Amino acid sequence: MISDRAIQWLRLSMVRGIGSVTGRKLIHAVGNMDTLWHLSNADLTRLNGISPQVLAALGESHPDSTQKMLEYCHNNHIGLLCPDDETWPESLSQLDDAPLLLFYHGDVHALNTQQILAVVGARRASREGILITRRWCRYLSEQSTTIVSGMAYGIDAAAHGGALEGSAATIAVLGCGLGTLSEQQQDQVAAIAAQGCVVSEFLPTATARPEHFPRRNRIIAGLSHATLVMEADVRSGSLITARQALQYGREVFAVPGSVLGGKHAGCHQLIRDGAALIENAEEVLQTMGWGVHATNANQHKKYHPADSAELKLLQILAAESMHLDHISESCGLTVPELSPILLRLELQGVIERLPGSRYILTCTISK
């Protein structure tokens, strides 16, 4: 699970003051990792652009400093991946700020699949946003797309959940170490690792900290060939992921929504800044040039209304999810008159009932 080269990268990452950019700058300056550990203190002081504090810490580094961490990884079945390993993600190889190493649970081959999409959004997402995210990610997973997200509440959880219902891998990138997870998070990691991979650049003993999440987000953006923002306000960390993806030259998609409440304001800002507006998951595949094959996903099901009452009801729901009372008012039907129609459509999978007596359309209307 851990190569000799990875141990050398671990040693470098554990040097006080060494981050991803500084670490790569050091290796570039000396030529390779092996040379770095054979330099004398006098040689180290001649390196340009490295602070005296970092050089001093580097000179004090010893191979034994990594031993306890290696034992911890071994005892907790945590793998370690470095840029010199064959399975290192190709998408990270050209990034100047790529992590120096990745700790992982699961199958690292998921990190090098042909279609990798980051799906991110608000932690406090709407019920509709969570429902659509799960449905889209299930469909995309059935289309051989690996879904990457951050294993947080809301959109992230829905993205992983939908992917797990599909057939492709899913990848979670954490903002903490793999050894500091709650029991619930451990269950999530086990489920994701069984169908993909969970990674973190942080030492397994590192707890979650606010400053970790922008670093986590850059890995989500860097691993992925494109990023899809499902629902986010203007202060959402998802916008950091999206803008990082743009800096990496990756495609960014955003889903529009209601202007009321501000839940989609971040997505609208991304669209104004040049992100592609996406209204269904199939558009992602088409834009990326990823093939589409047959699926039973409800979102692509077409339904021909049986009568004018059904047509009017479905046209109303095509715009947004709606409460039963509002549907009744808009259709001009009483609730007793409306209820059997709603039940019939729900049983056919045409609409779906949400908590709070709200309904949402789950297919395309065929006129």
Foldseek 3Di string as FASTA:
>chain_A
DEDPVLLLLVLQVPQPPDALLNSVLQCVQQVHSVSLLVDALVRLVPDPPDDPSSSVSSNPGDSCVCVVLVVVCVVVVKYKAAPVDPLDQPLQNPDSRRGRIKIKFADSNLLHFDAEEEEDEDLPDDPVLLVQLLLLLLQVLQLQHEYEYAPHHDSRVSNLNSNLNHQAAYEHEYLFALQPDDPVVVVVQVSRRVRYMYIYSYRNHGDHDPVSVLVSLLVSLSSHQEYEYRWYAQPDPVLSSRVSNVVSVHAYEYEADDPPPRRRNNSVVVVVVPHHYDDGSVVVCVVVVRDDDDDPRLAADEDEDPDPLRVQLVVVQVRHKAALVVSCVSSVHDSVVCVVVVVVCVVVVQWDADPPRIIHGRYHYDD
